Amino acid sequence: MADVHAAAARGFARSADAYERARPDYPAEAIAWLAERVGLGPGHTVVDLAAGTGKLTRPLADTGAEVVAVEPVAEMRARIGPAAARVLDGTAEAMPLPDASADAVAVGQAFHWFDGPVALAEIHRVLRPGGALALVWNRRPLDAPVHAAIEAIIDRHRGATPQHASGRWRDAFDATTLFGPLDEREFAHNRPQDADALADRVGSTSFVAALDDGPRAEVLAAVRALAADGPVDVPYVCEVFVCDRRP
């Protein structure tokens, strides 16, 4: 599994089932805007890059476009199911796809893991002229009480693990000449979760899933206690960024 960060390789391999159960879906409004902005539909091909368990693959397939899912972690890849026309082992920096073979590339919850400049060059190679790149994240608003409490539990285990919130992923876009500026939209949504679901959600976080069994159990017990009195509302902000391929 070359070129995959160690925390991602170990953590996501261990937590694929929890990831599929508890990670939030993307709101329909976000998918609709993405699909319109990049022109998805029948007769178009979109690559779901770093597809995980298929959380983004499935709504992309619902647009009628042909979806090719590329995912390096075997345990995640095995859970994508029949939504994709093809499910391939590959990374953002080395996609097993021909030049100019896709109308769009979409990345859910993952661009912050990539070597940004190398990934953008590879995405540019795979896109046809006139194609577009879409990035999607379900962001945890840390001013929400449940997320603030979770952050207090897990932050000491984070180390140097890449994260979307750092904003460092933007550096590659600021420097590139391969893509135009990022269009951005935000879509607020909410997911009630009981103690087990909340533990699954946090347990699917790469660096938590990668912990040794003892520390991981302590984290998950503390998280379950946050919903000890019943389900809690867990808010998210879905961020969608789209940029166009330059010739």
Protein backbone atom coordinates (compact mmCIF):
# COMPACT_ATOMS: atom_id res chain seq x y z
CA MET A 1 0.00 0.00 0.00
CA ALA A 2 2.70 2.43 -1.09
CA ASP A 3 2.14 6.18 -0.81
CA VAL A 4 -0.65 5.82 1.77
CA HIS A 5 -0.06 7.57 5.11
CA ALA A 6 0.55 5.01 7.87
CA ALA A 7 -2.34 6.28 10.03
CA ALA A 8 -4.72 6.01 7.07
CA ALA A 9 -3.49 2.56 6.03
CA ARG A 10 -3.77 1.06 9.53
CA GLY A 11 -6.70 3.07 10.84
CA PHE A 12 -9.04 2.75 7.89
CA ALA A 13 -8.23 -0.93 7.44
CA ARG A 14 -9.27 -1.55 11.05
CA SER A 15 -12.38 0.64 10.99
CA ALA A 16 -14.01 0.05 7.60
CA ASP A 17 -17.22 -1.37 9.09
CA ALA A 18 -17.53 1.46 11.62
CA TYR A 19 -16.80 3.98 8.86
CA GLU A 20 -19.63 2.63 6.73
CA ARG A 21 -22.08 2.48 9.65
CA ALA A 22 -21.47 5.84 11.29
CA ARG A 23 -19.89 8.33 8.90
CA PRO A 24 -22.55 10.79 7.75
CA ASP A 25 -23.89 10.73 4.23
CA TYR A 26 -23.57 13.82 2.08
CA PRO A 27 -26.72 15.97 1.93
CA ALA A 28 -28.75 15.73 -1.23
CA GLU A 29 -28.47 19.48 -1.84
CA ALA A 30 -24.68 19.24 -1.84
CA ILE A 31 -24.65 16.38 -4.34
CA ALA A 32 -27.16 18.21 -6.55
CA TRP A 33 -24.99 21.34 -6.64
CA LEU A 34 -21.84 19.32 -7.32
CA ALA A 35 -23.54 17.35 -10.12
CA GLU A 36 -24.85 20.49 -11.80
CA ARG A 37 -21.58 22.36 -11.42
CA VAL A 38 -19.43 19.64 -12.99
CA GLY A 39 -22.07 18.38 -15.43
CA LEU A 40 -22.68 14.85 -14.19
CA GLY A 41 -25.28 12.64 -15.79
CA PRO A 42 -25.74 9.80 -18.28
CA GLY A 43 -22.91 9.62 -20.78
CA HIS A 44 -20.38 11.13 -18.37
CA THR A 45 -17.64 9.41 -16.38
CA VAL A 46 -16.62 10.49 -12.88
CA VAL A 47 -13.77 9.08 -10.80
CA ASP A 48 -14.46 8.79 -7.08
CA LEU A 49 -10.88 9.11 -5.86
CA ALA A 50 -10.04 7.70 -2.40
CA ALA A 51 -13.55 6.29 -2.44
CA GLY A 52 -13.42 4.68 1.00
CA THR A 53 -16.49 2.49 1.53
CA GLY A 54 -18.46 4.23 -1.20
CA LYS A 55 -20.13 7.02 0.78
CA LEU A 56 -19.69 9.36 -2.19
CA THR A 57 -19.68 6.66 -4.87
CA ARG A 58 -23.35 5.85 -4.38
CA PRO A 59 -24.81 9.36 -4.72
CA LEU A 60 -22.52 10.01 -7.69
CA ALA A 61 -23.91 6.88 -9.34
CA ASP A 62 -27.44 8.12 -8.67
CA THR A 63 -26.78 11.01 -11.08
CA GLY A 64 -26.67 8.51 -13.92
CA ALA A 65 -22.97 9.03 -14.54
CA GLU A 66 -20.59 6.09 -14.86
CA VAL A 67 -18.53 5.98 -11.66
CA VAL A 68 -15.03 4.55 -11.33
CA ALA A 69 -14.00 4.14 -7.69
CA VAL A 70 -10.29 4.27 -6.86
CA GLU A 71 -9.32 3.29 -3.30
CA PRO A 72 -5.97 2.02 -1.92
CA VAL A 73 -7.16 0.35 1.32
CA ALA A 74 -8.43 -3.15 0.53
CA GLU A 75 -10.77 -3.34 3.52
CA MET A 76 -12.49 -0.12 2.46
CA ARG A 77 -12.53 -1.05 -1.22
CA ALA A 78 -14.31 -4.33 -0.45
CA ARG A 79 -17.31 -2.42 0.93
CA ILE A 80 -17.98 -0.15 -2.03
CA GLY A 81 -20.45 -2.58 -3.57
CA PRO A 82 -22.06 -2.42 -7.02
CA ALA A 83 -22.48 1.38 -7.27
CA ALA A 84 -19.25 1.80 -9.23
CA ALA A 85 -18.76 0.59 -12.78
CA ARG A 86 -15.23 -0.34 -11.74
CA VAL A 87 -13.49 -0.51 -8.36
CA LEU A 88 -9.73 -0.13 -8.65
CA ASP A 89 -6.74 -0.28 -6.32
CA GLY A 90 -4.87 3.00 -6.68
CA THR A 91 -3.86 6.27 -5.10
CA ALA A 92 -4.35 9.92 -5.93
CA GLU A 93 -0.73 10.11 -7.00
CA ALA A 94 -0.93 7.03 -9.28
CA MET A 95 -4.37 6.24 -10.69
CA PRO A 96 -4.63 3.12 -12.86
CA LEU A 97 -6.53 5.04 -15.55
CA PRO A 98 -5.70 6.26 -19.06
CA ASP A 99 -5.07 9.87 -19.96
CA ALA A 100 -8.19 11.98 -20.59
CA SER A 101 -10.54 9.20 -19.48
CA ALA A 102 -12.88 11.09 -17.09
CA ASP A 103 -15.16 14.11 -17.24
CA ALA A 104 -14.83 14.75 -13.51
CA VAL A 105 -12.92 13.60 -10.46
CA ALA A 106 -14.51 13.77 -7.00
CA VAL A 107 -12.72 13.38 -3.67
CA GLY A 108 -14.66 12.85 -0.44
CA GLN A 109 -13.01 13.40 2.95
CA ALA A 110 -9.55 12.76 1.56
CA PHE A 111 -7.62 15.46 -0.28
CA HIS A 112 -5.76 16.44 2.91
CA TRP A 113 -4.11 13.00 2.82
CA PHE A 114 -2.66 13.54 -0.66
CA ASP A 115 0.65 14.87 -1.87
CA GLY A 116 -1.19 17.89 -3.25
CA PRO A 117 0.99 18.94 -6.22
CA VAL A 118 1.54 15.35 -7.37
CA ALA A 119 -2.15 14.52 -6.99
CA LEU A 120 -3.24 17.59 -8.95
CA ALA A 121 -0.91 16.66 -11.80
CA GLU A 122 -2.30 13.12 -11.84
CA ILE A 123 -5.92 14.32 -11.69
CA HIS A 124 -5.19 16.75 -14.53
CA ARG A 125 -3.79 13.84 -16.58
CA VAL A 126 -6.90 11.71 -16.08
CA LEU A 127 -9.40 14.50 -16.77
CA ARG A 128 -10.53 15.34 -20.26
CA PRO A 129 -10.26 18.96 -21.45
CA GLY A 130 -13.19 20.84 -19.94
CA GLY A 131 -13.28 18.50 -16.93
CA ALA A 132 -13.52 19.48 -13.29
CA LEU A 133 -12.33 18.41 -9.85
CA ALA A 134 -14.70 18.39 -6.86
CA LEU A 135 -13.66 18.11 -3.21
CA VAL A 136 -16.19 17.30 -0.51
CA TRP A 137 -15.85 17.24 3.26
CA ASN A 138 -18.37 16.76 6.05
CA ARG A 139 -16.75 19.20 8.49
CA ARG A 140 -17.30 18.92 12.23
CA PRO A 141 -18.13 22.42 13.56
CA LEU A 142 -16.00 22.49 16.71
CA ASP A 143 -18.14 25.18 18.33
CA ALA A 144 -20.94 22.59 18.65
CA PRO A 145 -20.89 21.12 22.19
CA VAL A 146 -20.73 17.47 21.09
CA HIS A 147 -17.81 18.11 18.75
CA ALA A 148 -15.99 20.22 21.32
CA ALA A 149 -16.34 17.36 23.82
CA ILE A 150 -15.11 14.80 21.27
CA GLU A 151 -12.15 17.00 20.38
CA ALA A 152 -11.16 17.23 24.05
CA ILE A 153 -11.10 13.42 24.20
CA ILE A 154 -9.19 12.68 20.99
CA ASP A 155 -6.90 15.64 20.35
CA ARG A 156 -3.96 14.33 22.40
CA HIS A 157 -3.84 11.26 20.15
CA ARG A 158 -3.79 13.20 16.86
CA GLY A 159 -0.06 13.83 16.57
CA ALA A 160 0.94 14.99 13.09
CA THR A 161 -1.90 13.22 11.29
CA PRO A 162 -3.02 15.31 8.28
CA GLN A 163 -6.36 17.00 8.75
CA HIS A 164 -8.74 19.04 6.65
CA ALA A 165 -9.11 21.68 9.37
CA SER A 166 -5.45 22.72 9.07
CA GLY A 167 -6.15 24.22 5.65
CA ARG A 168 -2.76 23.05 4.38
CA TRP A 169 -4.46 21.19 1.56
CA ARG A 170 -5.18 24.59 -0.03
CA ASP A 171 -1.48 25.25 -0.64
CA ALA A 172 -1.44 23.03 -3.73
CA PHE A 173 -4.36 24.95 -5.24
CA ASP A 174 -2.76 28.30 -4.50
CA ALA A 175 0.36 27.23 -6.37
CA THR A 176 -1.05 25.24 -9.29
CA THR A 177 -1.47 26.40 -12.88
CA LEU A 178 -3.36 23.23 -13.79
CA PHE A 179 -6.73 24.23 -12.31
CA GLY A 180 -8.76 27.39 -11.98
CA PRO A 181 -9.94 28.93 -8.68
CA LEU A 182 -12.05 26.99 -6.21
CA ASP A 183 -15.81 27.58 -6.11
CA GLU A 184 -17.16 26.82 -2.64
CA ARG A 185 -20.60 26.03 -1.19
CA GLU A 186 -21.63 24.94 2.32
CA PHE A 187 -24.61 22.81 3.33
CA ALA A 188 -25.48 22.37 7.02
CA HIS A 189 -27.00 19.08 8.11
CA ASN A 190 -27.49 17.03 11.25
CA ARG A 191 -27.31 13.38 12.27
CA PRO A 192 -28.67 12.04 15.58
CA GLN A 193 -26.45 9.29 17.00
CA ASP A 194 -26.74 7.03 20.03
CA ALA A 195 -23.77 5.95 22.13
CA ASP A 196 -22.75 3.07 19.87
CA ALA A 197 -23.07 5.13 16.68
CA LEU A 198 -21.13 8.01 18.20
CA ALA A 199 -18.38 5.58 19.23
CA ASP A 200 -18.34 4.14 15.70
CA ARG A 201 -18.07 7.64 14.24
CA VAL A 202 -15.09 8.54 16.42
CA GLY A 203 -13.66 5.05 16.11
CA SER A 204 -13.56 5.46 12.34
CA THR A 205 -11.19 8.42 12.70
CA SER A 206 -7.86 7.24 11.32
CA PHE A 207 -5.60 8.00 14.27
CA VAL A 208 -8.15 6.69 16.81
CA ALA A 209 -8.62 3.45 14.88
CA ALA A 210 -4.83 3.07 14.66
CA LEU A 211 -4.36 3.22 18.45
CA ASP A 212 -3.42 0.15 20.44
CA ASP A 213 -6.43 -1.65 21.90
CA GLY A 214 -6.16 -0.23 25.42
CA PRO A 215 -6.00 3.49 24.57
CA ARG A 216 -8.58 3.02 21.83
CA ALA A 217 -11.02 1.40 24.28
CA GLU A 218 -10.54 4.31 26.70
CA VAL A 219 -11.32 6.83 23.98
CA LEU A 220 -14.43 5.00 22.85
CA ALA A 221 -15.72 4.60 26.41
CA ALA A 222 -15.36 8.35 26.97
CA VAL A 223 -17.19 9.04 23.71
CA ARG A 224 -20.03 6.66 24.56
CA ALA A 225 -20.52 8.54 27.83
CA LEU A 226 -21.41 11.66 25.83
CA ALA A 227 -24.61 9.91 24.70
CA ALA A 228 -25.30 8.01 27.90
CA ASP A 229 -28.72 9.64 28.29
CA GLY A 230 -29.85 8.91 24.75
CA PRO A 231 -29.11 9.99 21.18
CA VAL A 232 -27.43 13.34 20.65
CA ASP A 233 -27.67 15.62 17.63
CA VAL A 234 -24.38 15.66 15.73
CA PRO A 235 -24.17 18.63 13.34
CA TYR A 236 -22.03 18.81 10.21
CA VAL A 237 -21.25 21.36 7.54
CA CYS A 238 -20.79 19.79 4.13
CA GLU A 239 -18.20 21.80 2.21
CA VAL A 240 -18.06 21.37 -1.56
CA PHE A 241 -15.22 22.86 -3.64
CA VAL A 242 -15.07 22.69 -7.42
CA CYS A 243 -12.34 23.85 -9.79
CA ASP A 244 -12.04 23.53 -13.56
CA ARG A 245 -9.20 21.85 -15.42
CA ARG A 246 -7.05 24.25 -17.35
CA PRO A 247 -5.67 23.12 -20.74
